[in-house]
Structure formats: C-alpha cells, structure tokens
Amino acid sequence: MKDKKLIGHISIDSGTVWVGDPCYIIHTEKLPKTLGKDWLDLCRITDDRSDNTRHLPMSFNHDNGHNGLGVMSYTKIGDGYYPVYMIGDNDGIYIDFLDTGWFQNDDEKEEN
C-alpha cells in the first residue's frame, strides 16, 4: 500500500460530501444550473422523496454540458466528523466515512 498521511477532518451536517473545484461554485453570481437554484433545490435533485429515489453518488456537469463540475455522495452513516488522508505524494485522497481507523497507522498524527 502507498504511504498515507492524515491531513485533516471534514465536518458533515448534511450527510453528504462534495468533491470539486470550489471556484466553480464560490466565485460565481449564481450556481451552475445542474446544482439547482439553492440548497433545497439541490436536495430535491439528489434525494427525491416523492418516490424514495436516492440519486447519490452522482456526477454534475458544467452548464456547457461537459462533465467535471464535481461529484457528490452520501456518507456511510450520515452526519459526522470524518478523517481525510492523502495517499502517496498527493496521488489521491481517501475519506474514511466509517472513521474506523483501519486506514491510519497507530503512530500517525494529524497535521494542521
């Protein structure tokens, strides 16, 4: 297994996590159409209570139709405080939704 390092934690209060470039959603006058007009609209897109259909995990497109705006997923157990690890020399990240510690070495410490 490649080296791994605990790089921090993320707080989750919506039971979901977003992975994507923040400049596409923070530095804009309005949200990309694929995300809806507000938080409630995004909730309707991702979790349709009318037919109990859960659409996550899913990928979101840019307004021009290209894939890659971001991806969104439910966590395994809902809200929480989850550790995030860097794999290798920034080869990827891993979010431990179960927070079992199985991915962490006993001698690892979180770096701020």
N, C-alpha and C. Protein backbone atom coordinates (compact mmCIF):
# COMPACT_ATOMS: atom_id res chain seq x y z
N MET A 1 0.84 -1.17 0.00
CA MET A 1 0.00 0.00 0.00
C MET A 1 0.89 1.24 0.00
N LYS A 2 0.47 2.26 -0.72
CA LYS A 2 1.22 3.52 -0.75
C LYS A 2 1.17 4.19 0.61
N ASP A 3 2.17 5.06 0.86
CA ASP A 3 2.17 5.84 2.09
C ASP A 3 0.90 6.66 2.19
N LYS A 4 0.46 6.87 3.40
CA LYS A 4 -0.73 7.68 3.63
C LYS A 4 -0.47 8.57 4.83
N LYS A 5 -1.15 9.73 4.82
CA LYS A 5 -0.96 10.69 5.90
C LYS A 5 -2.30 11.33 6.21
N LEU A 6 -2.64 11.37 7.48
CA LEU A 6 -3.85 12.07 7.91
C LEU A 6 -3.62 13.56 7.70
N ILE A 7 -4.47 14.20 6.87
CA ILE A 7 -4.28 15.62 6.58
C ILE A 7 -5.33 16.51 7.23
N GLY A 8 -6.34 15.92 7.80
CA GLY A 8 -7.36 16.72 8.47
C GLY A 8 -8.67 15.96 8.59
N HIS A 9 -9.68 16.66 8.99
CA HIS A 9 -11.03 16.11 9.13
C HIS A 9 -12.01 17.05 8.43
N ILE A 10 -13.14 16.50 8.03
CA ILE A 10 -14.22 17.33 7.50
C ILE A 10 -15.47 17.12 8.35
N SER A 11 -16.16 18.21 8.62
CA SER A 11 -17.42 18.16 9.35
C SER A 11 -18.56 18.05 8.34
N ILE A 12 -19.44 17.11 8.58
CA ILE A 12 -20.57 16.88 7.68
C ILE A 12 -21.86 17.06 8.48
N ASP A 13 -22.70 17.98 8.03
CA ASP A 13 -24.00 18.21 8.67
C ASP A 13 -25.17 17.98 7.72
N SER A 14 -24.87 17.58 6.49
CA SER A 14 -25.95 17.31 5.53
C SER A 14 -25.98 15.84 5.14
N GLY A 15 -25.07 15.04 5.70
CA GLY A 15 -24.99 13.64 5.33
C GLY A 15 -24.40 13.43 3.95
N THR A 16 -23.85 14.50 3.35
CA THR A 16 -23.28 14.42 2.01
C THR A 16 -21.93 15.11 1.96
N VAL A 17 -21.16 14.76 0.94
CA VAL A 17 -19.87 15.39 0.72
C VAL A 17 -19.76 15.77 -0.75
N TRP A 18 -19.11 16.90 -1.02
CA TRP A 18 -18.90 17.42 -2.38
C TRP A 18 -17.41 17.37 -2.67
N VAL A 19 -17.05 16.90 -3.86
CA VAL A 19 -15.66 16.94 -4.32
C VAL A 19 -15.65 17.68 -5.65
N GLY A 20 -14.95 18.79 -5.68
CA GLY A 20 -14.86 19.58 -6.91
C GLY A 20 -14.07 20.85 -6.66
N ASP A 21 -13.78 21.56 -7.74
CA ASP A 21 -13.03 22.80 -7.65
C ASP A 21 -13.96 23.88 -7.10
N PRO A 22 -13.63 24.46 -5.94
CA PRO A 22 -14.52 25.46 -5.35
C PRO A 22 -14.73 26.69 -6.20
N CYS A 23 -13.82 27.01 -7.11
CA CYS A 23 -14.00 28.22 -7.91
C CYS A 23 -15.23 28.14 -8.81
N TYR A 24 -15.69 26.93 -9.12
CA TYR A 24 -16.88 26.79 -9.97
C TYR A 24 -18.17 27.09 -9.23
N ILE A 25 -18.16 27.05 -7.91
CA ILE A 25 -19.40 27.30 -7.19
C ILE A 25 -19.32 28.48 -6.23
N ILE A 26 -18.12 28.89 -5.85
CA ILE A 26 -17.98 30.00 -4.91
C ILE A 26 -17.86 31.35 -5.62
N HIS A 27 -17.10 31.40 -6.68
CA HIS A 27 -16.81 32.67 -7.37
C HIS A 27 -17.75 32.91 -8.55
N THR A 28 -19.02 32.63 -8.37
CA THR A 28 -19.99 32.85 -9.43
C THR A 28 -21.17 33.63 -8.89
N GLU A 29 -21.82 34.37 -9.77
CA GLU A 29 -23.01 35.14 -9.37
C GLU A 29 -24.17 34.21 -9.01
N LYS A 30 -24.30 33.11 -9.74
CA LYS A 30 -25.35 32.15 -9.43
C LYS A 30 -24.78 30.75 -9.60
N LEU A 31 -25.40 29.81 -8.93
CA LEU A 31 -24.93 28.43 -9.00
C LEU A 31 -25.08 27.87 -10.42
N PRO A 32 -24.22 26.94 -10.79
CA PRO A 32 -24.42 26.26 -12.08
C PRO A 32 -25.80 25.60 -12.10
N LYS A 33 -26.45 25.60 -13.27
CA LYS A 33 -27.82 25.11 -13.40
C LYS A 33 -27.99 23.68 -12.88
N THR A 34 -26.99 22.86 -13.09
CA THR A 34 -27.09 21.46 -12.69
C THR A 34 -27.23 21.27 -11.19
N LEU A 35 -26.85 22.30 -10.39
CA LEU A 35 -26.98 22.22 -8.93
C LEU A 35 -28.30 22.77 -8.43
N GLY A 36 -29.09 23.34 -9.31
CA GLY A 36 -30.35 23.94 -8.90
C GLY A 36 -30.15 25.38 -8.48
N LYS A 37 -31.22 26.01 -8.03
CA LYS A 37 -31.15 27.44 -7.70
C LYS A 37 -30.72 27.71 -6.26
N ASP A 38 -30.85 26.71 -5.37
CA ASP A 38 -30.49 26.89 -3.97
C ASP A 38 -30.32 25.51 -3.31
N TRP A 39 -30.07 25.53 -2.01
CA TRP A 39 -29.82 24.28 -1.29
C TRP A 39 -31.02 23.33 -1.36
N LEU A 40 -32.22 23.83 -1.17
CA LEU A 40 -33.40 22.96 -1.22
C LEU A 40 -33.58 22.33 -2.60
N ASP A 41 -33.29 23.08 -3.64
CA ASP A 41 -33.38 22.55 -4.99
C ASP A 41 -32.35 21.43 -5.19
N LEU A 42 -31.14 21.64 -4.70
CA LEU A 42 -30.12 20.59 -4.79
C LEU A 42 -30.57 19.34 -4.04
N CYS A 43 -31.18 19.52 -2.89
CA CYS A 43 -31.69 18.37 -2.14
C CYS A 43 -32.74 17.62 -2.94
N ARG A 44 -33.59 18.33 -3.65
CA ARG A 44 -34.60 17.68 -4.49
C ARG A 44 -33.96 16.91 -5.64
N ILE A 45 -32.89 17.46 -6.20
CA ILE A 45 -32.20 16.80 -7.30
C ILE A 45 -31.53 15.51 -6.84
N THR A 46 -30.97 15.52 -5.64
CA THR A 46 -30.19 14.38 -5.17
C THR A 46 -30.97 13.36 -4.36
N ASP A 47 -32.13 13.73 -3.85
CA ASP A 47 -32.88 12.83 -2.97
C ASP A 47 -34.36 13.09 -3.16
N ASP A 48 -34.96 12.42 -4.13
CA ASP A 48 -36.36 12.64 -4.48
C ASP A 48 -37.26 11.87 -3.52
N ARG A 49 -37.83 12.59 -2.54
CA ARG A 49 -38.68 11.95 -1.53
C ARG A 49 -40.02 11.48 -2.11
N SER A 50 -40.41 12.02 -3.26
CA SER A 50 -41.72 11.65 -3.81
C SER A 50 -41.77 10.18 -4.22
N ASP A 51 -40.64 9.63 -4.61
CA ASP A 51 -40.62 8.22 -4.99
C ASP A 51 -39.52 7.43 -4.27
N ASN A 52 -39.00 8.01 -3.17
CA ASN A 52 -37.94 7.38 -2.39
C ASN A 52 -36.72 7.00 -3.22
N THR A 53 -36.40 7.81 -4.21
CA THR A 53 -35.25 7.56 -5.06
C THR A 53 -34.07 8.37 -4.54
N ARG A 54 -32.97 7.71 -4.26
CA ARG A 54 -31.75 8.38 -3.85
C ARG A 54 -30.82 8.35 -5.05
N HIS A 55 -30.38 9.52 -5.47
CA HIS A 55 -29.60 9.63 -6.69
C HIS A 55 -28.09 9.72 -6.46
N LEU A 56 -27.66 9.73 -5.21
CA LEU A 56 -26.23 9.83 -4.93
C LEU A 56 -25.63 8.45 -4.75
N PRO A 57 -24.37 8.28 -5.10
CA PRO A 57 -23.44 9.28 -5.62
C PRO A 57 -23.76 9.63 -7.07
N MET A 58 -23.41 10.86 -7.44
CA MET A 58 -23.63 11.28 -8.82
C MET A 58 -22.63 12.35 -9.21
N SER A 59 -22.45 12.49 -10.51
CA SER A 59 -21.55 13.48 -11.08
C SER A 59 -22.39 14.63 -11.64
N PHE A 60 -21.85 15.83 -11.56
CA PHE A 60 -22.56 17.02 -12.05
C PHE A 60 -21.81 17.62 -13.23
N ASN A 61 -22.57 18.09 -14.21
CA ASN A 61 -21.98 18.70 -15.40
C ASN A 61 -21.88 20.22 -15.25
N HIS A 62 -20.94 20.79 -15.99
CA HIS A 62 -20.88 22.25 -16.14
C HIS A 62 -22.08 22.69 -16.96
N ASP A 63 -22.40 23.98 -16.93
CA ASP A 63 -23.54 24.49 -17.70
C ASP A 63 -23.40 24.25 -19.20
N ASN A 64 -22.16 24.15 -19.70
CA ASN A 64 -21.97 23.89 -21.13
C ASN A 64 -22.15 22.42 -21.48
N GLY A 65 -22.49 21.59 -20.47
CA GLY A 65 -22.77 20.18 -20.71
C GLY A 65 -21.60 19.24 -20.46
N HIS A 66 -20.41 19.80 -20.29
CA HIS A 66 -19.24 18.96 -20.05
C HIS A 66 -19.26 18.41 -18.63
N ASN A 67 -18.85 17.16 -18.49
CA ASN A 67 -18.73 16.54 -17.19
C ASN A 67 -17.58 17.18 -16.41
N GLY A 68 -17.60 17.10 -15.10
CA GLY A 68 -16.46 17.54 -14.32
C GLY A 68 -16.70 18.68 -13.36
N LEU A 69 -17.94 19.16 -13.21
CA LEU A 69 -18.20 20.21 -12.23
C LEU A 69 -17.86 19.71 -10.82
N GLY A 70 -18.27 18.49 -10.54
CA GLY A 70 -17.98 17.90 -9.24
C GLY A 70 -18.77 16.62 -9.05
N VAL A 71 -18.51 15.96 -7.96
CA VAL A 71 -19.26 14.77 -7.59
C VAL A 71 -19.76 14.94 -6.16
N MET A 72 -20.87 14.31 -5.89
CA MET A 72 -21.48 14.39 -4.56
C MET A 72 -21.88 12.99 -4.14
N SER A 73 -21.68 12.69 -2.86
CA SER A 73 -22.01 11.37 -2.35
C SER A 73 -22.59 11.47 -0.95
N TYR A 74 -23.41 10.49 -0.59
CA TYR A 74 -23.80 10.36 0.80
C TYR A 74 -22.61 9.80 1.57
N THR A 75 -22.57 10.07 2.85
CA THR A 75 -21.61 9.39 3.71
C THR A 75 -22.23 8.06 4.11
N LYS A 76 -21.46 7.20 4.66
CA LYS A 76 -21.96 5.88 5.03
C LYS A 76 -22.97 5.94 6.18
N ILE A 77 -22.71 6.83 7.17
CA ILE A 77 -23.58 6.84 8.35
C ILE A 77 -24.18 8.22 8.65
N GLY A 78 -24.13 9.13 7.67
CA GLY A 78 -24.75 10.43 7.86
C GLY A 78 -23.80 11.49 8.37
N ASP A 79 -24.33 12.36 9.22
CA ASP A 79 -23.53 13.47 9.75
C ASP A 79 -22.37 12.95 10.58
N GLY A 80 -21.31 13.75 10.63
CA GLY A 80 -20.17 13.33 11.44
C GLY A 80 -18.95 14.19 11.20
N TYR A 81 -17.85 13.71 11.71
CA TYR A 81 -16.55 14.37 11.65
C TYR A 81 -15.59 13.32 11.14
N TYR A 82 -15.23 13.40 9.85
CA TYR A 82 -14.55 12.30 9.17
C TYR A 82 -13.09 12.63 8.84
N PRO A 83 -12.19 11.67 9.09
CA PRO A 83 -10.78 11.88 8.76
C PRO A 83 -10.55 11.80 7.24
N VAL A 84 -9.61 12.65 6.78
CA VAL A 84 -9.24 12.68 5.36
C VAL A 84 -7.74 12.40 5.27
N TYR A 85 -7.38 11.47 4.40
CA TYR A 85 -5.99 11.05 4.24
C TYR A 85 -5.48 11.40 2.85
N MET A 86 -4.20 11.76 2.76
CA MET A 86 -3.53 11.90 1.48
C MET A 86 -2.82 10.58 1.22
N ILE A 87 -2.95 10.08 0.01
CA ILE A 87 -2.31 8.83 -0.37
C ILE A 87 -1.09 9.15 -1.22
N GLY A 88 0.05 8.54 -0.85
CA GLY A 88 1.28 8.75 -1.60
C GLY A 88 1.70 10.21 -1.57
N ASP A 89 2.33 10.64 -2.66
CA ASP A 89 2.79 12.02 -2.81
C ASP A 89 1.67 12.83 -3.47
N ASN A 90 0.54 12.96 -2.75
CA ASN A 90 -0.67 13.62 -3.26
C ASN A 90 -1.23 12.92 -4.49
N ASP A 91 -1.18 11.57 -4.47
CA ASP A 91 -1.74 10.77 -5.55
C ASP A 91 -3.26 10.69 -5.48
N GLY A 92 -3.81 11.01 -4.34
CA GLY A 92 -5.25 10.97 -4.16
C GLY A 92 -5.59 11.22 -2.70
N ILE A 93 -6.89 11.27 -2.42
CA ILE A 93 -7.34 11.40 -1.04
C ILE A 93 -8.31 10.28 -0.73
N TYR A 94 -8.45 10.01 0.53
CA TYR A 94 -9.39 9.00 1.00
C TYR A 94 -10.13 9.59 2.20
N ILE A 95 -11.47 9.53 2.17
CA ILE A 95 -12.29 9.98 3.28
C ILE A 95 -12.84 8.74 3.97
N ASP A 96 -12.53 8.57 5.24
CA ASP A 96 -12.97 7.38 5.98
C ASP A 96 -14.34 7.66 6.59
N PHE A 97 -15.41 7.33 5.86
CA PHE A 97 -16.76 7.60 6.34
C PHE A 97 -17.14 6.76 7.56
N LEU A 98 -16.46 5.66 7.77
CA LEU A 98 -16.75 4.84 8.95
C LEU A 98 -15.92 5.27 10.14
N ASP A 99 -14.86 6.06 9.89
CA ASP A 99 -13.95 6.53 10.93
C ASP A 99 -13.54 5.37 11.84
N THR A 100 -13.17 4.27 11.19
CA THR A 100 -12.79 3.07 11.94
C THR A 100 -11.33 3.09 12.35
N GLY A 101 -10.54 3.94 11.68
CA GLY A 101 -9.12 3.99 11.98
C GLY A 101 -8.32 2.93 11.27
N TRP A 102 -8.98 2.03 10.54
CA TRP A 102 -8.24 0.95 9.87
C TRP A 102 -7.23 1.48 8.87
N PHE A 103 -7.48 2.67 8.36
CA PHE A 103 -6.60 3.24 7.34
C PHE A 103 -5.43 3.99 7.95
N GLN A 104 -5.47 4.24 9.24
CA GLN A 104 -4.47 5.07 9.92
C GLN A 104 -3.49 4.19 10.68
N ASN A 105 -2.20 4.52 10.58
CA ASN A 105 -1.19 3.87 11.41
C ASN A 105 -1.31 4.40 12.83
N ASP A 106 -0.96 3.57 13.81
CA ASP A 106 -1.07 3.98 15.20
C ASP A 106 -0.23 5.20 15.53
N ASP A 107 0.88 5.39 14.82
CA ASP A 107 1.77 6.50 15.15
C ASP A 107 1.51 7.76 14.31
N GLU A 108 0.47 7.74 13.47
CA GLU A 108 0.16 8.93 12.66
C GLU A 108 -0.47 10.01 13.50
N LYS A 109 -0.14 11.22 13.19
CA LYS A 109 -0.77 12.38 13.85
C LYS A 109 -1.26 13.33 12.79
N GLU A 110 -2.37 13.96 13.07
CA GLU A 110 -2.94 14.95 12.15
C GLU A 110 -2.03 16.16 12.07
N GLU A 111 -1.80 16.62 10.83
CA GLU A 111 -1.03 17.84 10.62
C GLU A 111 -1.97 18.98 10.28
N ASN A 112 -1.75 20.12 10.89
CA ASN A 112 -2.63 21.27 10.64
C ASN A 112 -2.07 22.13 9.56
